[in-house]
Amino acid sequence: MTVLTPDDIASYLSQYGAAQGIDVMRPRFGRWIRHLRELGVADVPLTLGSASARHVDRMALQVSTNPEAKLRAHDVRDTQPEIRPYKGRSL
């Protein structure tokens, strides 16, 4: 079984996300990985659209200083049944 690492998250974010903020977010990666494991969605490799990648996207939005990103994170969270099974919305 392949284990998700901080380098996996950094690589994913540099390809698809906020590459400029990786150094700021990196201290949180260990906590993110534990959270993903608890949810049972620690897929490796991270691929665009996978459950793990969607959670990483949400967590990156949550730590943003942009208020619009935080609102987007809330919307994304509503689409993740592991977190909000009672919502069941799709984007």
Protein backbone atom coordinates (compact mmCIF):
# COMPACT_ATOMS: atom_id res chain seq x y z
CA MET A 1 0.00 0.00 0.00
CA THR A 2 1.35 3.41 -0.99
CA VAL A 3 1.18 6.05 1.71
CA LEU A 4 0.32 9.67 0.97
CA THR A 5 3.23 11.98 1.82
CA PRO A 6 3.69 15.74 2.17
CA ASP A 7 5.66 15.65 -1.09
CA ASP A 8 2.64 14.11 -2.85
CA ILE A 9 0.50 17.03 -1.69
CA ALA A 10 3.15 19.60 -2.66
CA SER A 11 3.49 18.04 -6.11
CA TYR A 12 -0.28 18.00 -6.64
CA LEU A 13 -0.72 21.61 -5.53
CA SER A 14 2.18 22.78 -7.70
CA GLN A 15 0.50 21.18 -10.73
CA TYR A 16 -3.15 22.01 -10.13
CA GLY A 17 -3.44 24.43 -7.27
CA ALA A 18 -1.81 27.31 -5.49
CA ALA A 19 1.87 26.66 -6.20
CA GLN A 20 2.87 30.03 -4.75
CA GLY A 21 1.48 29.13 -1.31
CA ILE A 22 2.93 25.65 -0.87
CA ASP A 23 5.62 26.77 1.59
CA VAL A 24 2.98 28.47 3.72
CA MET A 25 0.72 25.40 3.66
CA ARG A 26 3.44 22.73 4.04
CA PRO A 27 3.40 22.74 7.89
CA ARG A 28 -0.26 21.65 7.70
CA PHE A 29 0.32 18.70 5.35
CA GLY A 30 0.91 16.17 8.16
CA ARG A 31 -2.42 17.07 9.74
CA TRP A 32 -4.13 16.94 6.35
CA ILE A 33 -2.74 13.45 5.73
CA ARG A 34 -3.99 12.22 9.12
CA HIS A 35 -7.40 13.73 8.39
CA LEU A 36 -7.57 12.04 4.98
CA ARG A 37 -6.66 8.68 6.51
CA GLU A 38 -9.39 9.08 9.12
CA LEU A 39 -11.88 9.75 6.31
CA GLY A 40 -10.57 6.74 4.39
CA VAL A 41 -9.70 8.76 1.28
CA ALA A 42 -5.89 8.81 1.21
CA ASP A 43 -5.59 7.86 -2.49
CA VAL A 44 -2.12 7.87 -4.00
CA PRO A 45 -1.23 9.26 -6.41
CA LEU A 46 -3.30 12.41 -6.10
CA THR A 47 -5.09 12.87 -9.39
CA LEU A 48 -7.33 15.73 -10.37
CA GLY A 49 -10.89 14.87 -9.34
CA SER A 50 -10.02 12.00 -6.99
CA ALA A 51 -11.56 12.00 -3.51
CA SER A 52 -8.21 12.76 -1.87
CA ALA A 53 -7.45 15.56 -4.32
CA ARG A 54 -10.86 17.14 -3.72
CA HIS A 55 -10.17 17.14 0.02
CA VAL A 56 -6.71 18.66 -0.51
CA ASP A 57 -8.31 21.33 -2.71
CA ARG A 58 -10.83 22.09 0.05
CA MET A 59 -8.17 22.27 2.75
CA ALA A 60 -6.03 24.57 0.60
CA LEU A 61 -9.04 26.85 0.09
CA GLN A 62 -9.75 26.84 3.84
CA VAL A 63 -6.29 28.19 4.70
CA SER A 64 -6.49 30.92 2.07
CA THR A 65 -6.63 34.52 3.19
CA ASN A 66 -9.09 35.26 0.38
CA PRO A 67 -12.69 35.42 1.72
CA GLU A 68 -14.06 34.13 -1.59
CA ALA A 69 -11.84 31.04 -1.32
CA LYS A 70 -13.21 30.32 2.14
CA LEU A 71 -16.77 30.50 0.78
CA ARG A 72 -15.76 28.17 -2.06
CA ALA A 73 -14.29 25.76 0.52
CA HIS A 74 -17.63 25.70 2.30
CA ASP A 75 -19.41 24.87 -0.96
CA VAL A 76 -16.91 22.11 -1.74
CA ARG A 77 -17.32 20.65 1.75
CA ASP A 78 -21.04 20.29 1.11
CA THR A 79 -20.26 17.95 -1.81
CA GLN A 80 -18.09 15.58 0.24
CA PRO A 81 -20.19 12.81 1.77
CA GLU A 82 -17.34 11.80 4.10
CA ILE A 83 -17.77 15.18 5.82
CA ARG A 84 -21.38 16.16 5.18
CA PRO A 85 -23.40 13.04 4.33
CA TYR A 86 -26.65 14.88 4.99
CA LYS A 87 -26.00 17.50 2.29
CA GLY A 88 -25.32 15.36 -0.78
CA ARG A 89 -25.00 18.30 -3.16
CA SER A 90 -23.02 18.31 -6.34
CA LEU A 91 -21.28 21.30 -7.88
